[in-house]
Amino acid sequence: MNKCMVVDKAIERIANDYDLTIDTVKKAIEKSRFPLDFDRMVEDGSFCFRGPDEESKADNASICMASKILANKGVQEYILPIVCNRIKLWDHENIEYLLDMIRKMISIMELNPEDHPLMETCILDIDKLPSEYIPKDIIPGYRIWAMDKKGMCLVGDDANEVIHIDNILRQKVRGNF
């Protein structure tokens, strides 16, 4: 198995999954305070080299390698601020984009949860996500985290559901809340 091919595929996978350039991912690796030992990472992840052909084996191995690269604290220190900044600068156009960025941020933080208490790593106050104006008296106790320009709202205990403001109001009228 060609180690360079696996590493290149892993870098490309991270770039694609997190909407980064390949150069950005390479820079995160190069600037990491915790150097990555790719030889050892490939050796430790040899169980990932499975598949019917070399291309499939490299693809499978790149999934493992991408996780190991993203788990590197120095790489996280470089990439997380980029993702968090996208959340802070969200343009209120599409709530799905905001939700996607939050999920990407969390997926990185979950690799080293002890290093990322709450949202402090991003200096992001989850109670103050960017949003269109949300009337405060819609439903007492019902949490709307953010709303886009089309009225789509990010709701749920974990800010992981999307519903239109009109549907929330209809449910309020019906007494479903």
Protein backbone atom coordinates (compact mmCIF):
# COMPACT_ATOMS: atom_id res chain seq x y z
CA MET A 1 0.00 0.00 0.00
CA ASN A 2 1.32 3.40 -0.97
CA LYS A 3 1.50 5.50 2.22
CA CYS A 4 1.57 8.77 0.28
CA MET A 5 -1.59 7.84 -1.60
CA VAL A 6 -3.39 7.10 1.67
CA VAL A 7 -2.23 10.36 3.25
CA ASP A 8 -3.19 12.35 0.14
CA LYS A 9 -6.64 10.73 0.08
CA ALA A 10 -7.10 11.44 3.80
CA ILE A 11 -6.17 15.10 3.30
CA GLU A 12 -8.55 15.33 0.34
CA ARG A 13 -11.30 13.67 2.41
CA ILE A 14 -10.88 16.22 5.23
CA ALA A 15 -10.86 19.09 2.73
CA ASN A 16 -14.07 17.82 1.10
CA ASP A 17 -15.86 16.98 4.35
CA TYR A 18 -15.09 20.31 6.00
CA ASP A 19 -15.23 22.58 2.93
CA LEU A 20 -11.54 23.42 3.17
CA THR A 21 -8.86 23.62 0.55
CA ILE A 22 -6.26 20.89 0.38
CA ASP A 23 -3.64 23.57 1.08
CA THR A 24 -5.48 24.57 4.27
CA VAL A 25 -5.44 20.98 5.53
CA LYS A 26 -1.77 20.59 4.64
CA LYS A 27 -0.98 23.84 6.42
CA ALA A 28 -2.87 22.61 9.52
CA ILE A 29 -0.73 19.48 9.50
CA GLU A 30 2.52 21.38 8.93
CA LYS A 31 1.81 23.98 11.64
CA SER A 32 0.58 21.49 14.22
CA ARG A 33 2.28 21.79 17.60
CA PHE A 34 1.99 17.99 17.74
CA PRO A 35 3.80 16.53 14.71
CA LEU A 36 2.04 13.66 13.00
CA ASP A 37 3.98 10.44 12.50
CA PHE A 38 2.41 9.16 9.29
CA ASP A 39 4.51 5.99 9.23
CA ARG A 40 3.22 5.01 12.64
CA MET A 41 -0.32 6.12 11.81
CA VAL A 42 -0.31 3.88 8.74
CA GLU A 43 1.16 1.00 10.77
CA ASP A 44 -1.38 1.44 13.59
CA GLY A 45 -4.22 1.63 11.08
CA SER A 46 -3.22 -1.38 9.03
CA PHE A 47 -6.55 -3.04 9.92
CA CYS A 48 -8.22 -0.36 7.77
CA PHE A 49 -6.44 -1.58 4.62
CA ARG A 50 -9.28 -3.80 3.49
CA GLY A 51 -11.05 -4.08 0.19
CA PRO A 52 -11.17 -5.97 -3.09
CA ASP A 53 -8.53 -3.82 -4.81
CA GLU A 54 -5.78 -1.31 -4.06
CA GLU A 55 -8.06 1.69 -4.70
CA SER A 56 -10.70 0.41 -2.24
CA LYS A 57 -8.03 -0.39 0.32
CA ALA A 58 -6.60 3.13 -0.01
CA ASP A 59 -10.09 4.66 0.31
CA ASN A 60 -10.84 2.67 3.46
CA ALA A 61 -7.45 3.45 4.94
CA SER A 62 -7.93 7.16 4.18
CA ILE A 63 -11.07 7.19 6.33
CA CYS A 64 -9.06 5.97 9.33
CA MET A 65 -6.18 8.30 8.50
CA ALA A 66 -8.49 11.32 8.19
CA SER A 67 -9.88 10.65 11.68
CA LYS A 68 -6.39 10.35 13.11
CA ILE A 69 -5.30 13.58 11.44
CA LEU A 70 -8.38 15.42 12.72
CA ALA A 71 -7.83 14.00 16.22
CA ASN A 72 -4.44 15.74 16.35
CA LYS A 73 -4.81 18.68 18.74
CA GLY A 74 -2.60 20.94 16.65
CA VAL A 75 -4.62 20.24 13.51
CA GLN A 76 -7.79 20.98 15.48
CA GLU A 77 -6.31 24.26 16.69
CA TYR A 78 -5.91 25.30 13.07
CA ILE A 79 -9.16 23.96 11.55
CA LEU A 80 -11.70 24.61 14.34
CA PRO A 81 -11.39 28.41 14.22
CA ILE A 82 -12.14 28.28 10.48
CA VAL A 83 -15.31 26.26 11.03
CA CYS A 84 -16.33 28.33 14.05
CA ASN A 85 -15.80 31.55 12.13
CA ARG A 86 -18.21 30.28 9.47
CA ILE A 87 -20.82 29.84 12.19
CA LYS A 88 -20.23 33.34 13.53
CA LEU A 89 -20.40 34.86 10.04
CA TRP A 90 -23.43 32.89 8.88
CA ASP A 91 -25.47 35.06 6.51
CA HIS A 92 -28.93 33.93 7.76
CA GLU A 93 -29.80 32.59 4.29
CA ASN A 94 -30.12 28.84 4.96
CA ILE A 95 -30.52 27.27 8.41
CA GLU A 96 -29.30 23.93 6.99
CA TYR A 97 -25.90 25.52 6.36
CA LEU A 98 -25.71 26.70 9.97
CA LEU A 99 -26.71 23.25 11.22
CA ASP A 100 -24.11 21.65 8.94
CA MET A 101 -21.36 23.92 10.31
CA ILE A 102 -22.39 23.17 13.90
CA ARG A 103 -22.29 19.44 13.16
CA LYS A 104 -18.84 19.78 11.59
CA MET A 105 -17.58 21.72 14.60
CA ILE A 106 -18.95 19.10 17.00
CA SER A 107 -17.57 16.20 14.97
CA ILE A 108 -14.07 17.64 15.36
CA MET A 109 -14.52 18.46 19.04
CA GLU A 110 -15.80 14.94 19.79
CA LEU A 111 -12.44 13.50 18.77
CA ASN A 112 -10.90 15.11 21.89
CA PRO A 113 -13.84 16.13 24.09
CA GLU A 114 -11.65 16.86 27.12
CA ASP A 115 -9.94 19.62 25.13
CA HIS A 116 -13.17 21.35 24.15
CA PRO A 117 -15.35 22.20 27.14
CA LEU A 118 -18.74 23.24 25.84
CA MET A 119 -18.22 25.72 23.03
CA GLU A 120 -15.36 27.60 24.69
CA THR A 121 -12.89 26.43 22.07
CA CYS A 122 -14.75 28.45 19.45
CA ILE A 123 -15.47 31.34 21.77
CA LEU A 124 -19.02 30.70 20.62
CA ASP A 125 -22.01 31.36 22.83
CA ILE A 126 -24.57 28.77 21.71
CA ASP A 127 -27.27 30.99 23.21
CA LYS A 128 -26.28 33.77 20.83
CA LEU A 129 -26.04 32.09 17.46
CA PRO A 130 -26.42 34.44 14.51
CA SER A 131 -30.08 34.69 13.61
CA GLU A 132 -32.90 36.70 12.22
CA TYR A 133 -35.10 38.26 14.90
CA ILE A 134 -37.04 35.62 16.84
CA PRO A 135 -40.07 36.87 18.80
CA LYS A 136 -39.44 36.01 22.45
CA ASP A 137 -43.03 35.10 23.29
CA ILE A 138 -43.66 32.45 20.64
CA ILE A 139 -43.87 29.56 23.08
CA PRO A 140 -42.62 29.89 26.64
CA GLY A 141 -39.92 27.32 27.29
CA TYR A 142 -39.63 26.29 23.64
CA ARG A 143 -36.06 26.87 22.51
CA ILE A 144 -35.46 28.35 19.09
CA TRP A 145 -31.70 28.65 18.66
CA ALA A 146 -31.62 30.50 15.34
CA MET A 147 -33.84 31.41 12.39
CA ASP A 148 -32.98 32.09 8.77
CA LYS A 149 -34.49 34.69 6.44
CA LYS A 150 -37.10 32.19 5.20
CA GLY A 151 -38.40 31.45 8.70
CA MET A 152 -36.67 28.08 9.06
CA CYS A 153 -35.68 27.58 12.70
CA LEU A 154 -33.02 25.56 14.44
CA VAL A 155 -34.75 23.93 17.42
CA GLY A 156 -34.46 20.98 19.78
CA ASP A 157 -32.60 20.39 23.00
CA ASP A 158 -29.37 19.88 21.06
CA ALA A 159 -30.06 22.45 18.32
CA ASN A 160 -30.33 19.63 15.81
CA GLU A 161 -33.83 19.94 14.34
CA VAL A 162 -35.21 22.27 11.69
CA ILE A 163 -38.80 23.48 11.54
CA HIS A 164 -40.52 26.49 9.96
CA ILE A 165 -41.69 29.24 12.30
CA ASP A 166 -45.25 28.89 10.90
CA ASN A 167 -45.34 25.23 11.96
CA ILE A 168 -44.26 26.23 15.45
CA LEU A 169 -47.05 28.80 15.60
CA ARG A 170 -49.62 26.30 14.26
CA GLN A 171 -48.64 23.82 16.94
CA LYS A 172 -48.95 26.57 19.54
CA VAL A 173 -52.50 27.35 18.36
CA ARG A 174 -53.39 23.64 18.54
CA GLY A 175 -51.95 23.46 22.03
CA ASN A 176 -49.30 20.90 21.12
CA PHE A 177 -46.66 22.74 23.18
